[in-house]
N, C-alpha and C. Protein backbone atom coordinates (compact mmCIF):
# COMPACT_ATOMS: atom_id res chain seq x y z
N MET A 1 -29.12 4.52 23.37
CA MET A 1 -29.06 4.20 21.95
C MET A 1 -28.10 5.15 21.26
N ALA A 2 -27.28 4.59 20.38
CA ALA A 2 -26.34 5.38 19.58
C ALA A 2 -27.03 5.72 18.27
N ALA A 3 -27.40 6.98 18.10
CA ALA A 3 -28.12 7.39 16.90
C ALA A 3 -27.21 8.22 15.99
N VAL A 4 -27.29 7.93 14.70
CA VAL A 4 -26.53 8.68 13.70
C VAL A 4 -27.50 9.11 12.61
N THR A 5 -27.54 10.39 12.34
CA THR A 5 -28.32 10.91 11.23
C THR A 5 -27.37 11.03 10.04
N LEU A 6 -27.66 10.26 9.02
CA LEU A 6 -26.80 10.29 7.83
C LEU A 6 -26.99 11.60 7.08
N PRO A 7 -25.94 12.09 6.44
CA PRO A 7 -26.04 13.35 5.69
C PRO A 7 -26.83 13.16 4.39
N ALA A 8 -27.06 14.23 3.69
CA ALA A 8 -27.82 14.19 2.44
C ALA A 8 -27.11 13.37 1.37
N THR A 9 -25.78 13.34 1.42
CA THR A 9 -25.00 12.61 0.42
C THR A 9 -24.12 11.56 1.08
N VAL A 10 -24.29 10.31 0.65
CA VAL A 10 -23.38 9.23 1.03
C VAL A 10 -23.00 8.53 -0.26
N THR A 11 -21.83 8.91 -0.78
CA THR A 11 -21.30 8.35 -2.02
C THR A 11 -19.84 7.94 -1.76
N MET A 12 -19.20 7.46 -2.79
CA MET A 12 -17.81 7.03 -2.64
C MET A 12 -16.94 8.12 -2.03
N GLY A 13 -17.22 9.36 -2.36
CA GLY A 13 -16.41 10.46 -1.86
C GLY A 13 -16.67 10.86 -0.42
N SER A 14 -17.82 10.45 0.13
CA SER A 14 -18.17 10.92 1.47
C SER A 14 -18.47 9.81 2.47
N ALA A 15 -18.50 8.58 2.02
CA ALA A 15 -18.90 7.47 2.90
C ALA A 15 -17.96 7.30 4.09
N SER A 16 -16.68 7.61 3.93
CA SER A 16 -15.74 7.43 5.05
C SER A 16 -16.09 8.36 6.21
N GLN A 17 -16.59 9.56 5.92
CA GLN A 17 -17.00 10.47 6.99
C GLN A 17 -18.20 9.89 7.74
N ALA A 18 -19.14 9.35 7.00
CA ALA A 18 -20.32 8.75 7.63
C ALA A 18 -19.92 7.54 8.46
N LEU A 19 -18.97 6.75 7.97
CA LEU A 19 -18.50 5.60 8.73
C LEU A 19 -17.84 6.03 10.03
N ARG A 20 -17.08 7.10 10.00
CA ARG A 20 -16.47 7.60 11.25
C ARG A 20 -17.54 8.01 12.26
N ALA A 21 -18.63 8.59 11.78
CA ALA A 21 -19.74 8.96 12.67
C ALA A 21 -20.38 7.72 13.29
N VAL A 22 -20.52 6.67 12.49
CA VAL A 22 -21.06 5.40 12.98
C VAL A 22 -20.14 4.82 14.05
N GLU A 23 -18.85 4.79 13.77
CA GLU A 23 -17.89 4.24 14.73
C GLU A 23 -17.89 5.03 16.03
N ALA A 24 -17.98 6.36 15.94
CA ALA A 24 -18.01 7.19 17.14
C ALA A 24 -19.27 6.92 17.96
N ALA A 25 -20.40 6.77 17.28
CA ALA A 25 -21.65 6.48 17.98
C ALA A 25 -21.59 5.13 18.67
N LEU A 26 -21.02 4.15 18.02
CA LEU A 26 -20.90 2.83 18.63
C LEU A 26 -19.98 2.86 19.84
N SER A 27 -18.98 3.71 19.80
CA SER A 27 -18.07 3.83 20.94
C SER A 27 -18.79 4.34 22.18
N ALA A 28 -19.86 5.09 21.96
CA ALA A 28 -20.66 5.62 23.08
C ALA A 28 -21.49 4.53 23.74
N GLY A 29 -21.67 3.41 23.04
CA GLY A 29 -22.40 2.28 23.60
C GLY A 29 -23.86 2.26 23.20
N GLY A 30 -24.47 1.11 23.41
CA GLY A 30 -25.88 0.93 23.11
C GLY A 30 -26.14 0.53 21.68
N PRO A 31 -27.40 0.22 21.37
CA PRO A 31 -27.78 -0.16 20.01
C PRO A 31 -27.54 0.98 19.04
N LEU A 32 -27.34 0.64 17.79
CA LEU A 32 -27.08 1.63 16.75
C LEU A 32 -28.35 1.86 15.94
N GLU A 33 -28.73 3.13 15.80
CA GLU A 33 -29.84 3.49 14.95
C GLU A 33 -29.37 4.50 13.93
N LEU A 34 -29.57 4.17 12.65
CA LEU A 34 -29.22 5.09 11.57
C LEU A 34 -30.49 5.73 11.03
N ASP A 35 -30.49 7.04 10.95
CA ASP A 35 -31.60 7.78 10.37
C ASP A 35 -31.16 8.20 8.97
N ALA A 36 -31.77 7.59 7.97
CA ALA A 36 -31.40 7.85 6.58
C ALA A 36 -32.38 8.79 5.88
N SER A 37 -33.26 9.41 6.63
CA SER A 37 -34.31 10.22 6.03
C SER A 37 -33.79 11.44 5.27
N ALA A 38 -32.59 11.92 5.60
CA ALA A 38 -32.03 13.09 4.90
C ALA A 38 -31.32 12.72 3.60
N LEU A 39 -31.09 11.43 3.37
CA LEU A 39 -30.35 11.00 2.18
C LEU A 39 -31.05 11.40 0.89
N VAL A 40 -30.29 12.02 0.00
CA VAL A 40 -30.79 12.42 -1.30
C VAL A 40 -29.91 11.82 -2.40
N ASP A 41 -28.61 11.84 -2.20
CA ASP A 41 -27.65 11.38 -3.19
C ASP A 41 -26.90 10.16 -2.64
N VAL A 42 -27.15 8.99 -3.22
CA VAL A 42 -26.50 7.76 -2.75
C VAL A 42 -25.96 6.98 -3.93
N ASP A 43 -24.96 6.16 -3.64
CA ASP A 43 -24.48 5.20 -4.61
C ASP A 43 -24.17 3.92 -3.85
N THR A 44 -23.43 3.03 -4.45
CA THR A 44 -23.16 1.74 -3.80
C THR A 44 -22.43 1.90 -2.47
N ALA A 45 -21.74 2.99 -2.29
CA ALA A 45 -21.04 3.22 -1.02
C ALA A 45 -22.03 3.33 0.14
N ALA A 46 -23.22 3.83 -0.12
CA ALA A 46 -24.23 3.93 0.93
C ALA A 46 -24.68 2.54 1.38
N VAL A 47 -24.84 1.64 0.43
CA VAL A 47 -25.21 0.27 0.76
C VAL A 47 -24.08 -0.39 1.55
N ALA A 48 -22.85 -0.17 1.10
CA ALA A 48 -21.70 -0.73 1.82
C ALA A 48 -21.62 -0.16 3.23
N LEU A 49 -21.92 1.11 3.40
CA LEU A 49 -21.92 1.73 4.72
C LEU A 49 -22.94 1.04 5.64
N LEU A 50 -24.13 0.80 5.14
CA LEU A 50 -25.15 0.13 5.95
C LEU A 50 -24.70 -1.26 6.37
N LEU A 51 -24.14 -1.99 5.43
CA LEU A 51 -23.67 -3.34 5.76
C LEU A 51 -22.54 -3.30 6.79
N GLN A 52 -21.62 -2.36 6.64
CA GLN A 52 -20.52 -2.24 7.60
C GLN A 52 -21.04 -1.81 8.97
N ALA A 53 -21.97 -0.88 9.00
CA ALA A 53 -22.55 -0.44 10.27
C ALA A 53 -23.22 -1.61 10.98
N GLN A 54 -23.94 -2.41 10.22
CA GLN A 54 -24.59 -3.57 10.81
C GLN A 54 -23.56 -4.56 11.35
N ARG A 55 -22.49 -4.80 10.59
CA ARG A 55 -21.44 -5.71 11.04
C ARG A 55 -20.77 -5.20 12.31
N LEU A 56 -20.50 -3.91 12.37
CA LEU A 56 -19.87 -3.33 13.56
C LEU A 56 -20.78 -3.46 14.77
N ALA A 57 -22.07 -3.20 14.59
CA ALA A 57 -23.01 -3.34 15.71
C ALA A 57 -23.07 -4.79 16.17
N GLN A 58 -23.13 -5.69 15.22
CA GLN A 58 -23.19 -7.11 15.55
C GLN A 58 -21.93 -7.55 16.30
N ALA A 59 -20.78 -7.07 15.87
CA ALA A 59 -19.51 -7.43 16.52
C ALA A 59 -19.47 -6.94 17.97
N ARG A 60 -20.17 -5.84 18.24
CA ARG A 60 -20.23 -5.32 19.61
C ARG A 60 -21.38 -5.92 20.41
N GLY A 61 -22.17 -6.74 19.74
CA GLY A 61 -23.29 -7.38 20.43
C GLY A 61 -24.45 -6.44 20.71
N VAL A 62 -24.62 -5.43 19.86
CA VAL A 62 -25.72 -4.48 20.04
C VAL A 62 -26.63 -4.52 18.82
N GLY A 63 -27.83 -4.00 18.98
CA GLY A 63 -28.80 -4.00 17.90
C GLY A 63 -28.47 -2.97 16.82
N PHE A 64 -29.12 -3.15 15.69
CA PHE A 64 -28.96 -2.24 14.54
C PHE A 64 -30.33 -1.95 13.97
N ALA A 65 -30.63 -0.68 13.75
CA ALA A 65 -31.90 -0.31 13.13
C ALA A 65 -31.65 0.79 12.11
N LEU A 66 -32.42 0.74 11.05
CA LEU A 66 -32.35 1.76 10.00
C LEU A 66 -33.72 2.40 9.89
N ARG A 67 -33.75 3.71 9.87
CA ARG A 67 -35.01 4.46 9.77
C ARG A 67 -34.95 5.39 8.56
N GLY A 68 -36.07 5.52 7.89
CA GLY A 68 -36.20 6.52 6.84
C GLY A 68 -35.41 6.31 5.58
N ALA A 69 -35.18 5.06 5.20
CA ALA A 69 -34.40 4.80 3.97
C ALA A 69 -35.17 5.29 2.74
N PRO A 70 -34.54 6.11 1.91
CA PRO A 70 -35.20 6.60 0.70
C PRO A 70 -35.30 5.50 -0.36
N GLN A 71 -36.20 5.69 -1.28
CA GLN A 71 -36.45 4.71 -2.34
C GLN A 71 -35.18 4.34 -3.10
N GLN A 72 -34.32 5.31 -3.40
CA GLN A 72 -33.10 5.03 -4.16
C GLN A 72 -32.19 4.06 -3.41
N LEU A 73 -32.09 4.21 -2.10
CA LEU A 73 -31.27 3.31 -1.30
C LEU A 73 -31.87 1.91 -1.26
N VAL A 74 -33.18 1.85 -1.10
CA VAL A 74 -33.88 0.56 -1.10
C VAL A 74 -33.67 -0.14 -2.45
N ALA A 75 -33.78 0.61 -3.53
CA ALA A 75 -33.61 0.02 -4.87
C ALA A 75 -32.19 -0.51 -5.06
N LEU A 76 -31.19 0.22 -4.58
CA LEU A 76 -29.80 -0.25 -4.70
C LEU A 76 -29.59 -1.54 -3.91
N ALA A 77 -30.11 -1.59 -2.69
CA ALA A 77 -29.96 -2.80 -1.87
C ALA A 77 -30.64 -3.98 -2.55
N ARG A 78 -31.79 -3.75 -3.13
CA ARG A 78 -32.50 -4.80 -3.84
C ARG A 78 -31.71 -5.25 -5.06
N LEU A 79 -31.16 -4.29 -5.82
CA LEU A 79 -30.38 -4.59 -7.01
C LEU A 79 -29.19 -5.49 -6.68
N TYR A 80 -28.52 -5.22 -5.57
CA TYR A 80 -27.35 -6.00 -5.18
C TYR A 80 -27.70 -7.23 -4.36
N GLY A 81 -28.98 -7.45 -4.12
CA GLY A 81 -29.41 -8.65 -3.43
C GLY A 81 -29.04 -8.70 -1.96
N VAL A 82 -28.91 -7.54 -1.33
CA VAL A 82 -28.50 -7.51 0.08
C VAL A 82 -29.59 -6.99 1.01
N GLU A 83 -30.77 -6.73 0.48
CA GLU A 83 -31.80 -6.16 1.33
C GLU A 83 -32.13 -7.07 2.52
N SER A 84 -32.10 -8.37 2.33
CA SER A 84 -32.42 -9.28 3.44
C SER A 84 -31.32 -9.25 4.51
N LEU A 85 -30.11 -8.90 4.13
CA LEU A 85 -29.01 -8.82 5.10
C LEU A 85 -29.15 -7.62 6.03
N LEU A 86 -29.95 -6.66 5.63
CA LEU A 86 -30.10 -5.43 6.42
C LEU A 86 -31.18 -5.54 7.48
N GLY A 87 -31.79 -6.71 7.61
CA GLY A 87 -32.70 -6.97 8.71
C GLY A 87 -34.15 -6.67 8.42
N PRO A 88 -35.00 -7.06 9.38
CA PRO A 88 -36.44 -6.90 9.19
C PRO A 88 -36.88 -5.44 9.07
N GLY A 89 -36.19 -4.54 9.73
CA GLY A 89 -36.54 -3.12 9.62
C GLY A 89 -36.39 -2.63 8.20
N PHE A 90 -35.36 -3.09 7.52
CA PHE A 90 -35.13 -2.68 6.14
C PHE A 90 -36.20 -3.28 5.24
N ALA A 91 -36.61 -4.52 5.52
CA ALA A 91 -37.67 -5.14 4.73
C ALA A 91 -38.95 -4.35 4.85
N ALA A 92 -39.24 -3.81 6.04
CA ALA A 92 -40.44 -3.00 6.23
C ALA A 92 -40.32 -1.70 5.44
N VAL A 93 -39.13 -1.12 5.44
CA VAL A 93 -38.90 0.11 4.67
C VAL A 93 -39.11 -0.18 3.20
N ARG A 94 -38.61 -1.33 2.75
CA ARG A 94 -38.74 -1.72 1.35
C ARG A 94 -40.20 -1.86 0.97
N SER A 95 -41.00 -2.47 1.83
CA SER A 95 -42.42 -2.65 1.54
C SER A 95 -43.12 -1.30 1.44
N THR A 96 -42.80 -0.41 2.34
CA THR A 96 -43.39 0.93 2.32
C THR A 96 -42.98 1.68 1.07
N ALA A 97 -41.69 1.62 0.75
CA ALA A 97 -41.18 2.32 -0.43
C ALA A 97 -41.76 1.74 -1.70
N GLY A 98 -41.90 0.43 -1.74
CA GLY A 98 -42.46 -0.21 -2.92
C GLY A 98 -43.90 0.17 -3.14
N SER A 99 -44.69 0.28 -2.05
CA SER A 99 -46.09 0.64 -2.21
C SER A 99 -46.24 2.11 -2.57
N ALA A 100 -45.30 2.94 -2.18
CA ALA A 100 -45.38 4.36 -2.49
C ALA A 100 -45.16 4.61 -3.98
N SER A 101 -44.42 3.73 -4.63
CA SER A 101 -44.14 3.94 -6.05
C SER A 101 -45.18 3.29 -6.94
N ALA A 102 -46.09 2.53 -6.37
CA ALA A 102 -47.10 1.83 -7.16
C ALA A 102 -48.22 2.74 -7.57
């Protein structure tokens, strides 16, 4: 499995570095797993990164999983209407995050 731990900040200024890490991990082969548990500062670039990572994994014919998505990331994906595109794992994260804020 190709695992990438995302940094604390994934914004317009830093998303390209995170994307390079994703591409390098995919080059190693196997399914892609992103660990987003360290994320603190995100903007729309983080959502775009997730979508691109998923597309790259799909193009290589490997699985994609997201772990530890923070509430802010879940809220952005929901706002832009792309949460369903991020797969069932993201939907589970969304349910957990939604219940934590209730």
